[in-house]
Amino acid sequence: MTGGAGMLGSSIAEQWQGIRPNDKLIVATRRDADLRDREQTHRFLERSRPDAIIHAAAKVGGIQAKLSEPTPYLLDNLLLDSSVLSAAIELRVPELLYVSSAAIYPASARQPIGEDQVLDGQLESANEGYALAKIAAGKVCEYASEQFGFSYKVVAPSNLYGPNDDYSIGRGHLIAAAIAKIHAAHVSGALTVPIWGDGTARREFTYVMDLAQWVVSQIGTLDSWPAVLNLGCGQDHTVAEYYETAKSVIGYTGEFTFDPTKPSGVPQRLLDSTRARGLGWNPETPLASGIATSYEAFLASQQTERR
């Protein structure tokens, strides 16, 4: 598995032993290979000789980071995806799960978004570079499966949240950023927390441990999957509602200020995960309890940093 230090990768690693104790999981780190380097990546996979690959490594970030520094979200993802996928094909690894993103769908996609809408319209501008790289890698998986008979499949999760998220303000995704900002205001006694946009944009967030558990259970059965599979919890909320839930969990008593001059992305992004539910996908973690667990993990990480 690549991307073991990321939120989803680390969650998969945590779940692996309990679900598949007889299968060895090799978690690639930067000490093993710089995945942007094709030769290093090929040598690492040649030594590992995997039966399957979970490719979860990616250059990721929130909307603010993608707008201010767009180049690496296209270039770095193209490089590391090309290295991993080409090595997998050359070494004839029979199964590969590529972790993509809901950003691959058009900004004007019909809601809820079905898997057939890839390349069906213009991408959201803030996510364009990242999405282009994800679409390209997804097509490589599709071509490799058709040309060589491999089971290289693409999973397009909704936005994720949970333990091991990136809580750095300015780089974290919506829920992680909300937790970090509200906590800072709660501790400092600040009366308001600023939020980009008017708070009405709707997003779907799935608890990462639900996704990790299911992915671990599916390795070895990807030949039964379609080329692309959406994985979302099936319910979206407004940005303001996510902030209100985090506010309640943290116990903050201040107010929110919205800045409609700042970009907030597409009005709605909700995935149609019907195909996945037909394969047994059934996430059950309620939003409030998921955010509460995430906040506990955030507090623990803050204590570790202070030591």
C-alpha atoms as a PDB file:
ATOM      1  CA  MET A   1       0.000   0.000   0.000  1.00  0.00           C
ATOM      2  CA  THR A   2       1.184   3.465  -0.878  1.00  0.00           C
ATOM      3  CA  GLY A   3       0.122   6.536   1.055  1.00  0.00           C
ATOM      4  CA  GLY A   4       0.380   4.861   4.432  1.00  0.00           C
ATOM      5  CA  ALA A   5       1.005   8.169   6.187  1.00  0.00           C
ATOM      6  CA  GLY A   6      -2.207   9.701   4.867  1.00  0.00           C
ATOM      7  CA  MET A   7      -5.584   9.613   6.553  1.00  0.00           C
ATOM      8  CA  LEU A   8      -7.051   6.769   4.488  1.00  0.00           C
ATOM      9  CA  GLY A   9      -3.804   4.799   4.215  1.00  0.00           C
ATOM     10  CA  SER A  10      -3.101   4.910   7.935  1.00  0.00           C
ATOM     11  CA  SER A  11      -6.704   3.918   8.636  1.00  0.00           C
ATOM     12  CA  ILE A  12      -6.422   0.940   6.281  1.00  0.00           C
ATOM     13  CA  ALA A  13      -3.209  -0.112   8.031  1.00  0.00           C
ATOM     14  CA  GLU A  14      -4.962   0.087  11.429  1.00  0.00           C
ATOM     15  CA  GLN A  15      -7.839  -2.083  10.229  1.00  0.00           C
ATOM     16  CA  TRP A  16      -5.791  -4.613   8.283  1.00  0.00           C
ATOM     17  CA  GLN A  17      -4.529  -6.876  11.052  1.00  0.00           C
ATOM     18  CA  GLY A  18      -7.920  -7.358  12.627  1.00  0.00           C
ATOM     19  CA  ILE A  19      -9.665  -8.152   9.342  1.00  0.00           C
ATOM     20  CA  ARG A  20      -6.908  -9.988   7.435  1.00  0.00           C
ATOM     21  CA  PRO A  21      -4.456 -11.374  10.022  1.00  0.00           C
ATOM     22  CA  ASN A  22      -3.069 -13.969   7.588  1.00  0.00           C
ATOM     23  CA  ASP A  23      -2.272 -11.487   4.817  1.00  0.00           C
ATOM     24  CA  LYS A  24       0.869  -9.370   5.022  1.00  0.00           C
ATOM     25  CA  LEU A  25       0.442  -5.662   4.358  1.00  0.00           C
ATOM     26  CA  ILE A  26       3.570  -3.844   3.197  1.00  0.00           C
ATOM     27  CA  VAL A  27       3.180  -0.124   3.778  1.00  0.00           C
ATOM     28  CA  ALA A  28       5.430   1.889   1.477  1.00  0.00           C
ATOM     29  CA  THR A  29       7.150   4.878   3.059  1.00  0.00           C
ATOM     30  CA  ARG A  30       9.360   7.609   1.653  1.00  0.00           C
ATOM     31  CA  ARG A  31      12.350   5.626   2.900  1.00  0.00           C
ATOM     32  CA  ASP A  32      11.358   2.818   0.523  1.00  0.00           C
ATOM     33  CA  ALA A  33      10.959   5.010  -2.551  1.00  0.00           C
ATOM     34  CA  ASP A  34      10.143   8.461  -3.791  1.00  0.00           C
ATOM     35  CA  LEU A  35       7.042   7.500  -5.754  1.00  0.00           C
ATOM     36  CA  ARG A  36       7.616  10.355  -8.173  1.00  0.00           C
ATOM     37  CA  ASP A  37      10.776   8.518  -9.285  1.00  0.00           C
ATOM     38  CA  ARG A  38       9.896   5.710 -11.686  1.00  0.00           C
ATOM     39  CA  GLU A  39      13.101   3.698 -11.171  1.00  0.00           C
ATOM     40  CA  GLN A  40      12.915   3.816  -7.360  1.00  0.00           C
ATOM     41  CA  THR A  41       9.271   2.796  -7.447  1.00  0.00           C
ATOM     42  CA  HIS A  42       9.906  -0.094  -9.818  1.00  0.00           C
ATOM     43  CA  ARG A  43      12.770  -1.408  -7.660  1.00  0.00           C
ATOM     44  CA  PHE A  44      10.648  -1.247  -4.513  1.00  0.00           C
ATOM     45  CA  LEU A  45       7.722  -3.101  -6.049  1.00  0.00           C
ATOM     46  CA  GLU A  46      10.064  -5.640  -7.617  1.00  0.00           C
ATOM     47  CA  ARG A  47      11.488  -6.391  -4.165  1.00  0.00           C
ATOM     48  CA  SER A  48       8.036  -6.533  -2.585  1.00  0.00           C
ATOM     49  CA  ARG A  49       6.395  -8.699  -5.282  1.00  0.00           C
ATOM     50  CA  PRO A  50       2.839  -7.877  -4.163  1.00  0.00           C
ATOM     51  CA  ASP A  51      -0.269  -9.866  -5.061  1.00  0.00           C
ATOM     52  CA  ALA A  52      -2.242  -6.625  -4.989  1.00  0.00           C
ATOM     53  CA  ILE A  53      -1.590  -2.909  -4.613  1.00  0.00           C
ATOM     54  CA  ILE A  54      -3.665  -0.284  -2.827  1.00  0.00           C
ATOM     55  CA  HIS A  55      -2.476   2.992  -4.330  1.00  0.00           C
ATOM     56  CA  ALA A  56      -3.603   5.639  -1.856  1.00  0.00           C
ATOM     57  CA  ALA A  57      -0.662   8.043  -2.125  1.00  0.00           C
ATOM     58  CA  ALA A  58      -1.506  11.491  -3.458  1.00  0.00           C
ATOM     59  CA  LYS A  59      -0.674  15.164  -3.139  1.00  0.00           C
ATOM     60  CA  VAL A  60      -3.786  16.450  -1.355  1.00  0.00           C
ATOM     61  CA  GLY A  61      -4.961  19.641   0.290  1.00  0.00           C
ATOM     62  CA  GLY A  62      -7.867  21.956   0.910  1.00  0.00           C
ATOM     63  CA  ILE A  63      -9.326  24.503  -1.470  1.00  0.00           C
ATOM     64  CA  GLN A  64      -7.102  27.319  -0.176  1.00  0.00           C
ATOM     65  CA  ALA A  65      -3.914  25.335  -0.826  1.00  0.00           C
ATOM     66  CA  LYS A  66      -5.034  24.197  -4.276  1.00  0.00           C
ATOM     67  CA  LEU A  67      -5.830  27.749  -5.314  1.00  0.00           C
ATOM     68  CA  SER A  68      -2.581  29.261  -4.025  1.00  0.00           C
ATOM     69  CA  GLU A  69      -0.241  26.453  -5.191  1.00  0.00           C
ATOM     70  CA  PRO A  70      -1.973  24.573  -8.050  1.00  0.00           C
ATOM     71  CA  THR A  71       1.055  23.196  -9.916  1.00  0.00           C
ATOM     72  CA  PRO A  72       2.075  20.305  -7.603  1.00  0.00           C
ATOM     73  CA  TYR A  73      -1.496  19.032  -7.417  1.00  0.00           C
ATOM     74  CA  LEU A  74      -1.251  18.221 -11.111  1.00  0.00           C
ATOM     75  CA  LEU A  75       2.462  17.530 -11.596  1.00  0.00           C
ATOM     76  CA  ASP A  76       3.258  15.538  -8.434  1.00  0.00           C
ATOM     77  CA  ASN A  77       0.157  13.387  -8.802  1.00  0.00           C
ATOM     78  CA  LEU A  78       0.924  12.681 -12.463  1.00  0.00           C
ATOM     79  CA  LEU A  79       4.471  11.646 -11.555  1.00  0.00           C
ATOM     80  CA  LEU A  80       3.643   9.339  -8.670  1.00  0.00           C
ATOM     81  CA  ASP A  81       0.652   7.743 -10.412  1.00  0.00           C
ATOM     82  CA  SER A  82       2.705   7.126 -13.543  1.00  0.00           C
ATOM     83  CA  SER A  83       5.483   5.510 -11.499  1.00  0.00           C
ATOM     84  CA  VAL A  84       3.214   3.176  -9.530  1.00  0.00           C
ATOM     85  CA  LEU A  85       0.935   2.172 -12.392  1.00  0.00           C
ATOM     86  CA  SER A  86       3.722   1.578 -14.909  1.00  0.00           C
ATOM     87  CA  ALA A  87       5.653  -0.552 -12.414  1.00  0.00           C
ATOM     88  CA  ALA A  88       2.530  -2.551 -11.556  1.00  0.00           C
ATOM     89  CA  ILE A  89       1.891  -3.248 -15.235  1.00  0.00           C
ATOM     90  CA  GLU A  90       5.503  -4.146 -15.996  1.00  0.00           C
ATOM     91  CA  LEU A  91       5.641  -6.512 -13.015  1.00  0.00           C
ATOM     92  CA  ARG A  92       2.212  -7.929 -13.913  1.00  0.00           C
ATOM     93  CA  VAL A  93       0.672  -7.317 -10.508  1.00  0.00           C
ATOM     94  CA  PRO A  94      -2.809  -8.797 -11.030  1.00  0.00           C
ATOM     95  CA  GLU A  95      -4.881  -6.490  -8.807  1.00  0.00           C
ATOM     96  CA  LEU A  96      -4.687  -2.794  -8.011  1.00  0.00           C
ATOM     97  CA  LEU A  97      -7.080  -0.454  -6.231  1.00  0.00           C
ATOM     98  CA  TYR A  98      -6.567   3.168  -7.204  1.00  0.00           C
ATOM     99  CA  VAL A  99      -7.920   5.708  -4.714  1.00  0.00           C
ATOM    100  CA  SER A 100      -9.326   8.569  -6.753  1.00  0.00           C
ATOM    101  CA  SER A 101     -11.625  11.404  -5.684  1.00  0.00           C
ATOM    102  CA  ALA A 102     -15.077  12.877  -6.208  1.00  0.00           C
ATOM    103  CA  ALA A 103     -13.224  15.821  -7.766  1.00  0.00           C
ATOM    104  CA  ILE A 104     -13.060  13.818 -11.028  1.00  0.00           C
ATOM    105  CA  TYR A 105     -16.676  14.734 -11.724  1.00  0.00           C
ATOM    106  CA  PRO A 106     -17.779  17.916 -13.554  1.00  0.00           C
ATOM    107  CA  ALA A 107     -18.671  21.035 -11.624  1.00  0.00           C
ATOM    108  CA  SER A 108     -22.167  20.917 -13.158  1.00  0.00           C
ATOM    109  CA  ALA A 109     -22.699  17.176 -12.617  1.00  0.00           C
ATOM    110  CA  ARG A 110     -26.229  15.925 -12.015  1.00  0.00           C
ATOM    111  CA  GLN A 111     -26.881  15.204  -8.334  1.00  0.00           C
ATOM    112  CA  PRO A 112     -26.402  12.631  -6.969  1.00  0.00           C
ATOM    113  CA  ILE A 113     -23.379  11.959  -9.177  1.00  0.00           C
ATOM    114  CA  GLY A 114     -23.150   8.626 -10.965  1.00  0.00           C
ATOM    115  CA  GLU A 115     -19.931   7.017 -12.152  1.00  0.00           C
ATOM    116  CA  ASP A 116     -20.925   7.580 -15.785  1.00  0.00           C
ATOM    117  CA  GLN A 117     -20.357  11.334 -15.482  1.00  0.00           C
ATOM    118  CA  VAL A 118     -16.533  11.241 -15.669  1.00  0.00           C
ATOM    119  CA  LEU A 119     -15.404  13.513 -18.556  1.00  0.00           C
ATOM    120  CA  ASP A 120     -18.985  14.726 -18.974  1.00  0.00           C
ATOM    121  CA  GLY A 121     -18.282  18.419 -18.420  1.00  0.00           C
ATOM    122  CA  GLN A 122     -15.959  21.153 -17.160  1.00  0.00           C
ATOM    123  CA  LEU A 123     -14.165  20.505 -13.877  1.00  0.00           C
ATOM    124  CA  GLU A 124     -14.347  22.690 -10.793  1.00  0.00           C
ATOM    125  CA  SER A 125     -11.629  25.308 -11.219  1.00  0.00           C
ATOM    126  CA  ALA A 126     -10.161  24.967  -7.701  1.00  0.00           C
ATOM    127  CA  ASN A 127      -9.714  21.206  -8.148  1.00  0.00           C
ATOM    128  CA  GLU A 128      -8.866  21.133 -11.845  1.00  0.00           C
ATOM    129  CA  GLY A 129      -5.200  20.112 -11.682  1.00  0.00           C
ATOM    130  CA  TYR A 130      -5.762  17.464  -9.021  1.00  0.00           C
ATOM    131  CA  ALA A 131      -8.800  16.130 -10.869  1.00  0.00           C
ATOM    132  CA  LEU A 132      -6.989  15.926 -14.214  1.00  0.00           C
ATOM    133  CA  ALA A 133      -4.276  13.769 -12.664  1.00  0.00           C
ATOM    134  CA  LYS A 134      -6.872  11.508 -11.029  1.00  0.00           C
ATOM    135  CA  ILE A 135      -8.826  11.115 -14.261  1.00  0.00           C
ATOM    136  CA  ALA A 136      -5.670  10.241 -16.210  1.00  0.00           C
ATOM    137  CA  ALA A 137      -4.657   7.570 -13.694  1.00  0.00           C
ATOM    138  CA  GLY A 138      -8.168   6.166 -13.681  1.00  0.00           C
ATOM    139  CA  LYS A 139      -8.040   5.787 -17.448  1.00  0.00           C
ATOM    140  CA  VAL A 140      -4.707   3.949 -17.187  1.00  0.00           C
ATOM    141  CA  CYS A 141      -6.374   1.500 -14.777  1.00  0.00           C
ATOM    142  CA  GLU A 142      -9.237   1.001 -17.227  1.00  0.00           C
ATOM    143  CA  TYR A 143      -6.899   0.477 -20.178  1.00  0.00           C
ATOM    144  CA  ALA A 144      -4.620  -1.923 -18.274  1.00  0.00           C
ATOM    145  CA  SER A 145      -7.595  -4.026 -17.217  1.00  0.00           C
ATOM    146  CA  GLU A 146      -8.873  -4.233 -20.793  1.00  0.00           C
ATOM    147  CA  GLN A 147      -5.486  -4.766 -22.465  1.00  0.00           C
ATOM    148  CA  PHE A 148      -3.815  -7.146 -20.031  1.00  0.00           C
ATOM    149  CA  GLY A 149      -6.706  -8.743 -18.168  1.00  0.00           C
ATOM    150  CA  PHE A 150      -5.752  -7.180 -14.827  1.00  0.00           C
ATOM    151  CA  SER A 151      -8.224  -6.089 -12.149  1.00  0.00           C
ATOM    152  CA  TYR A 152      -7.171  -2.456 -11.809  1.00  0.00           C
ATOM    153  CA  LYS A 153     -10.164  -0.620 -10.372  1.00  0.00           C
ATOM    154  CA  VAL A 154     -10.862   2.941  -9.288  1.00  0.00           C
ATOM    155  CA  VAL A 155     -12.630   3.965  -6.102  1.00  0.00           C
ATOM    156  CA  ALA A 156     -13.982   7.521  -5.945  1.00  0.00           C
ATOM    157  CA  PRO A 157     -14.668   8.312  -2.282  1.00  0.00           C
ATOM    158  CA  SER A 158     -16.616  11.300  -1.110  1.00  0.00           C
ATOM    159  CA  ASN A 159     -14.739  13.739   1.086  1.00  0.00           C
ATOM    160  CA  LEU A 160     -13.357  11.925   4.124  1.00  0.00           C
ATOM    161  CA  TYR A 161     -12.834  12.868   7.750  1.00  0.00           C
ATOM    162  CA  GLY A 162     -11.664  11.153  10.902  1.00  0.00           C
ATOM    163  CA  PRO A 163      -8.577  10.327  12.965  1.00  0.00           C
ATOM    164  CA  ASN A 164      -5.214  10.950  11.277  1.00  0.00           C
ATOM    165  CA  ASP A 165      -6.631  13.835   9.238  1.00  0.00           C
ATOM    166  CA  ASP A 166      -4.539  16.922   8.452  1.00  0.00           C
ATOM    167  CA  TYR A 167      -5.727  19.556  10.904  1.00  0.00           C
ATOM    168  CA  SER A 168      -3.404  22.329   9.768  1.00  0.00           C
ATOM    169  CA  ILE A 169      -5.379  25.500   9.087  1.00  0.00           C
ATOM    170  CA  GLY A 170      -5.161  26.455   5.418  1.00  0.00           C
ATOM    171  CA  ARG A 171      -4.326  22.938   4.228  1.00  0.00           C
ATOM    172  CA  GLY A 172      -6.879  20.694   5.910  1.00  0.00           C
ATOM    173  CA  HIS A 173     -10.204  19.714   4.404  1.00  0.00           C
ATOM    174  CA  LEU A 174     -13.497  21.175   5.608  1.00  0.00           C
ATOM    175  CA  ILE A 175     -14.206  19.167   8.776  1.00  0.00           C
ATOM    176  CA  ALA A 176     -10.576  19.022   9.898  1.00  0.00           C
ATOM    177  CA  ALA A 177     -10.207  22.762   9.298  1.00  0.00           C
ATOM    178  CA  ALA A 178     -13.443  23.434  11.176  1.00  0.00           C
ATOM    179  CA  ILE A 179     -12.235  21.435  14.176  1.00  0.00           C
ATOM    180  CA  ALA A 180      -8.868  23.218  14.228  1.00  0.00           C
ATOM    181  CA  LYS A 181     -10.332  26.720  13.794  1.00  0.00           C
ATOM    182  CA  ILE A 182     -13.128  26.293  16.312  1.00  0.00           C
ATOM    183  CA  HIS A 183     -10.795  24.722  18.861  1.00  0.00           C
ATOM    184  CA  ALA A 184      -8.363  27.632  18.505  1.00  0.00           C
ATOM    185  CA  ALA A 185     -11.188  30.121  19.004  1.00  0.00           C
ATOM    186  CA  HIS A 186     -12.527  28.125  21.963  1.00  0.00           C
ATOM    187  CA  VAL A 187      -9.132  28.100  23.693  1.00  0.00           C
ATOM    188  CA  SER A 188      -8.320  31.751  22.986  1.00  0.00           C
ATOM    189  CA  GLY A 189     -11.785  33.041  23.796  1.00  0.00           C
ATOM    190  CA  ALA A 190     -12.291  34.503  20.319  1.00  0.00           C
ATOM    191  CA  LEU A 191     -15.884  35.577  19.752  1.00  0.00           C
ATOM    192  CA  THR A 192     -16.048  34.647  16.059  1.00  0.00           C
ATOM    193  CA  VAL A 193     -14.700  32.076  13.598  1.00  0.00           C
ATOM    194  CA  PRO A 194     -14.354  33.107   9.922  1.00  0.00           C
ATOM    195  CA  ILE A 195     -15.607  30.785   7.181  1.00  0.00           C
ATOM    196  CA  TRP A 196     -14.984  31.028   3.449  1.00  0.00           C
ATOM    197  CA  GLY A 197     -18.152  31.375   1.350  1.00  0.00           C
ATOM    198  CA  ASP A 198     -21.709  31.872   2.541  1.00  0.00           C
ATOM    199  CA  GLY A 199     -21.983  28.461   4.216  1.00  0.00           C
ATOM    200  CA  THR A 200     -24.645  27.055   1.890  1.00  0.00           C
ATOM    201  CA  ALA A 201     -22.458  24.796  -0.282  1.00  0.00           C
ATOM    202  CA  ARG A 202     -23.323  21.150   0.332  1.00  0.00           C
ATOM    203  CA  ARG A 203     -20.712  18.428   0.742  1.00  0.00           C
ATOM    204  CA  GLU A 204     -20.758  14.718   1.523  1.00  0.00           C
ATOM    205  CA  PHE A 205     -18.257  13.528   4.139  1.00  0.00           C
ATOM    206  CA  THR A 206     -17.743   9.847   4.965  1.00  0.00           C
ATOM    207  CA  TYR A 207     -16.063   8.647   8.147  1.00  0.00           C
ATOM    208  CA  VAL A 208     -12.684   7.269   7.113  1.00  0.00           C
ATOM    209  CA  MET A 209     -12.768   4.151   9.313  1.00  0.00           C
ATOM    210  CA  ASP A 210     -16.005   3.009   7.641  1.00  0.00           C
ATOM    211  CA  LEU A 211     -14.275   3.275   4.274  1.00  0.00           C
ATOM    212  CA  ALA A 212     -11.053   1.652   5.475  1.00  0.00           C
ATOM    213  CA  GLN A 213     -12.821  -1.369   6.924  1.00  0.00           C
ATOM    214  CA  TRP A 214     -14.724  -2.012   3.731  1.00  0.00           C
ATOM    215  CA  VAL A 215     -11.736  -1.532   1.431  1.00  0.00           C
ATOM    216  CA  VAL A 216      -9.699  -4.031   3.463  1.00  0.00           C
ATOM    217  CA  SER A 217     -12.484  -6.584   3.138  1.00  0.00           C
ATOM    218  CA  GLN A 218     -12.669  -6.129  -0.643  1.00  0.00           C
ATOM    219  CA  ILE A 219      -9.061  -6.761  -1.638  1.00  0.00           C
ATOM    220  CA  GLY A 220      -9.000  -9.983  -3.641  1.00  0.00           C
ATOM    221  CA  THR A 221     -12.475  -9.446  -5.107  1.00  0.00           C
ATOM    222  CA  LEU A 222     -11.901  -6.438  -7.356  1.00  0.00           C
ATOM    223  CA  ASP A 223     -12.590  -8.473 -10.501  1.00  0.00           C
ATOM    224  CA  SER A 224     -16.297  -8.171  -9.606  1.00  0.00           C
ATOM    225  CA  TRP A 225     -16.165  -4.358  -9.448  1.00  0.00           C
ATOM    226  CA  PRO A 226     -17.044  -1.924 -12.225  1.00  0.00           C
ATOM    227  CA  ALA A 227     -14.195   0.232 -13.571  1.00  0.00           C
ATOM    228  CA  VAL A 228     -15.101   3.121 -11.230  1.00  0.00           C
ATOM    229  CA  LEU A 229     -16.943   2.796  -7.929  1.00  0.00           C
ATOM    230  CA  ASN A 230     -18.319   5.681  -5.860  1.00  0.00           C
ATOM    231  CA  LEU A 231     -18.059   5.363  -2.085  1.00  0.00           C
ATOM    232  CA  GLY A 232     -20.014   7.898  -0.071  1.00  0.00           C
ATOM    233  CA  CYS A 233     -22.184   7.832   3.027  1.00  0.00           C
ATOM    234  CA  GLY A 234     -25.203   8.940   0.992  1.00  0.00           C
ATOM    235  CA  GLN A 235     -25.989  12.155   2.859  1.00  0.00           C
ATOM    236  CA  ASP A 236     -24.681  15.674   2.406  1.00  0.00           C
ATOM    237  CA  HIS A 237     -24.773  18.757   4.669  1.00  0.00           C
ATOM    238  CA  THR A 238     -24.067  22.433   4.221  1.00  0.00           C
ATOM    239  CA  VAL A 239     -20.728  23.901   5.232  1.00  0.00           C
ATOM    240  CA  ALA A 240     -22.534  25.784   7.987  1.00  0.00           C
ATOM    241  CA  GLU A 241     -24.036  22.548   9.324  1.00  0.00           C
ATOM    242  CA  TYR A 242     -20.613  20.898   9.540  1.00  0.00           C
ATOM    243  CA  TYR A 243     -19.308  23.904  11.462  1.00  0.00           C
ATOM    244  CA  GLU A 244     -22.336  23.869  13.781  1.00  0.00           C
ATOM    245  CA  THR A 245     -21.826  20.164  14.529  1.00  0.00           C
ATOM    246  CA  ALA A 246     -18.134  20.717  15.289  1.00  0.00           C
ATOM    247  CA  LYS A 247     -19.077  23.726  17.438  1.00  0.00           C
ATOM    248  CA  SER A 248     -21.451  21.576  19.476  1.00  0.00           C
ATOM    249  CA  VAL A 249     -18.878  18.799  19.930  1.00  0.00           C
ATOM    250  CA  ILE A 250     -16.149  21.219  21.035  1.00  0.00           C
ATOM    251  CA  GLY A 251     -18.428  23.306  23.232  1.00  0.00           C
ATOM    252  CA  TYR A 252     -17.632  26.619  21.559  1.00  0.00           C
ATOM    253  CA  THR A 253     -20.101  29.415  22.336  1.00  0.00           C
ATOM    254  CA  GLY A 254     -19.023  32.047  19.797  1.00  0.00           C
ATOM    255  CA  GLU A 255     -20.426  32.859  16.376  1.00  0.00           C
ATOM    256  CA  PHE A 256     -19.467  32.280  12.751  1.00  0.00           C
ATOM    257  CA  THR A 257     -18.777  34.985  10.180  1.00  0.00           C
ATOM    258  CA  PHE A 258     -19.153  34.113   6.513  1.00  0.00           C
ATOM    259  CA  ASP A 259     -17.189  35.718   3.683  1.00  0.00           C
ATOM    260  CA  PRO A 260     -19.102  35.298   0.404  1.00  0.00           C
ATOM    261  CA  THR A 261     -16.264  36.977  -1.515  1.00  0.00           C
ATOM    262  CA  LYS A 262     -14.133  33.871  -0.940  1.00  0.00           C
ATOM    263  CA  PRO A 263     -14.565  30.779  -3.163  1.00  0.00           C
ATOM    264  CA  SER A 264     -16.612  27.905  -1.773  1.00  0.00           C
ATOM    265  CA  GLY A 265     -16.530  25.501  -4.731  1.00  0.00           C
ATOM    266  CA  VAL A 266     -19.496  23.907  -6.466  1.00  0.00           C
ATOM    267  CA  PRO A 267     -22.932  24.318  -4.823  1.00  0.00           C
ATOM    268  CA  GLN A 268     -23.305  20.578  -4.169  1.00  0.00           C
ATOM    269  CA  ARG A 269     -21.358  17.334  -4.488  1.00  0.00           C
ATOM    270  CA  LEU A 270     -23.222  14.191  -3.508  1.00  0.00           C
ATOM    271  CA  LEU A 271     -22.253  10.782  -4.859  1.00  0.00           C
ATOM    272  CA  ASP A 272     -24.602   8.060  -6.029  1.00  0.00           C
ATOM    273  CA  SER A 273     -23.122   4.996  -4.296  1.00  0.00           C
ATOM    274  CA  THR A 274     -25.829   2.557  -5.408  1.00  0.00           C
ATOM    275  CA  ARG A 275     -23.352   0.265  -7.164  1.00  0.00           C
ATOM    276  CA  ALA A 276     -21.186  -0.003  -4.052  1.00  0.00           C
ATOM    277  CA  ARG A 277     -24.182  -0.735  -1.839  1.00  0.00           C
ATOM    278  CA  GLY A 278     -24.951  -3.626  -4.165  1.00  0.00           C
ATOM    279  CA  LEU A 279     -21.503  -4.983  -3.231  1.00  0.00           C
ATOM    280  CA  GLY A 280     -22.117  -4.633   0.510  1.00  0.00           C
ATOM    281  CA  TRP A 281     -21.000  -1.046   1.190  1.00  0.00           C
ATOM    282  CA  ASN A 282     -22.960   0.248   4.211  1.00  0.00           C
ATOM    283  CA  PRO A 283     -21.263   3.026   6.253  1.00  0.00           C
ATOM    284  CA  GLU A 284     -22.977   3.560   9.602  1.00  0.00           C
ATOM    285  CA  THR A 285     -21.053   6.172  11.635  1.00  0.00           C
ATOM    286  CA  PRO A 286     -23.264   9.203  12.440  1.00  0.00           C
ATOM    287  CA  LEU A 287     -21.734  12.611  11.756  1.00  0.00           C
ATOM    288  CA  ALA A 288     -21.730  13.849  15.363  1.00  0.00           C
ATOM    289  CA  SER A 289     -20.012  10.751  16.749  1.00  0.00           C
ATOM    290  CA  GLY A 290     -17.500  10.754  13.890  1.00  0.00           C
ATOM    291  CA  ILE A 291     -16.611  14.382  14.564  1.00  0.00           C
ATOM    292  CA  ALA A 292     -16.369  13.651  18.301  1.00  0.00           C
ATOM    293  CA  THR A 293     -13.863  10.861  17.640  1.00  0.00           C
ATOM    294  CA  SER A 294     -11.980  13.130  15.255  1.00  0.00           C
ATOM    295  CA  TYR A 295     -11.796  15.859  17.885  1.00  0.00           C
ATOM    296  CA  GLU A 296     -10.396  13.408  20.424  1.00  0.00           C
ATOM    297  CA  ALA A 297      -7.704  12.446  17.905  1.00  0.00           C
ATOM    298  CA  PHE A 298      -6.988  16.125  17.235  1.00  0.00           C
ATOM    299  CA  LEU A 299      -6.536  16.818  20.963  1.00  0.00           C
ATOM    300  CA  ALA A 300      -4.228  13.822  21.300  1.00  0.00           C
ATOM    301  CA  SER A 301      -2.115  15.072  18.391  1.00  0.00           C
ATOM    302  CA  GLN A 302      -1.872  18.501  20.018  1.00  0.00           C
ATOM    303  CA  GLN A 303      -0.587  16.959  23.243  1.00  0.00           C
ATOM    304  CA  THR A 304       1.984  14.937  21.309  1.00  0.00           C
ATOM    305  CA  GLU A 305       3.251  18.041  19.527  1.00  0.00           C
ATOM    306  CA  ARG A 306       3.721  19.869  22.838  1.00  0.00           C
ATOM    307  CA  ARG A 307       5.914  17.127  24.308  1.00  0.00           C
END
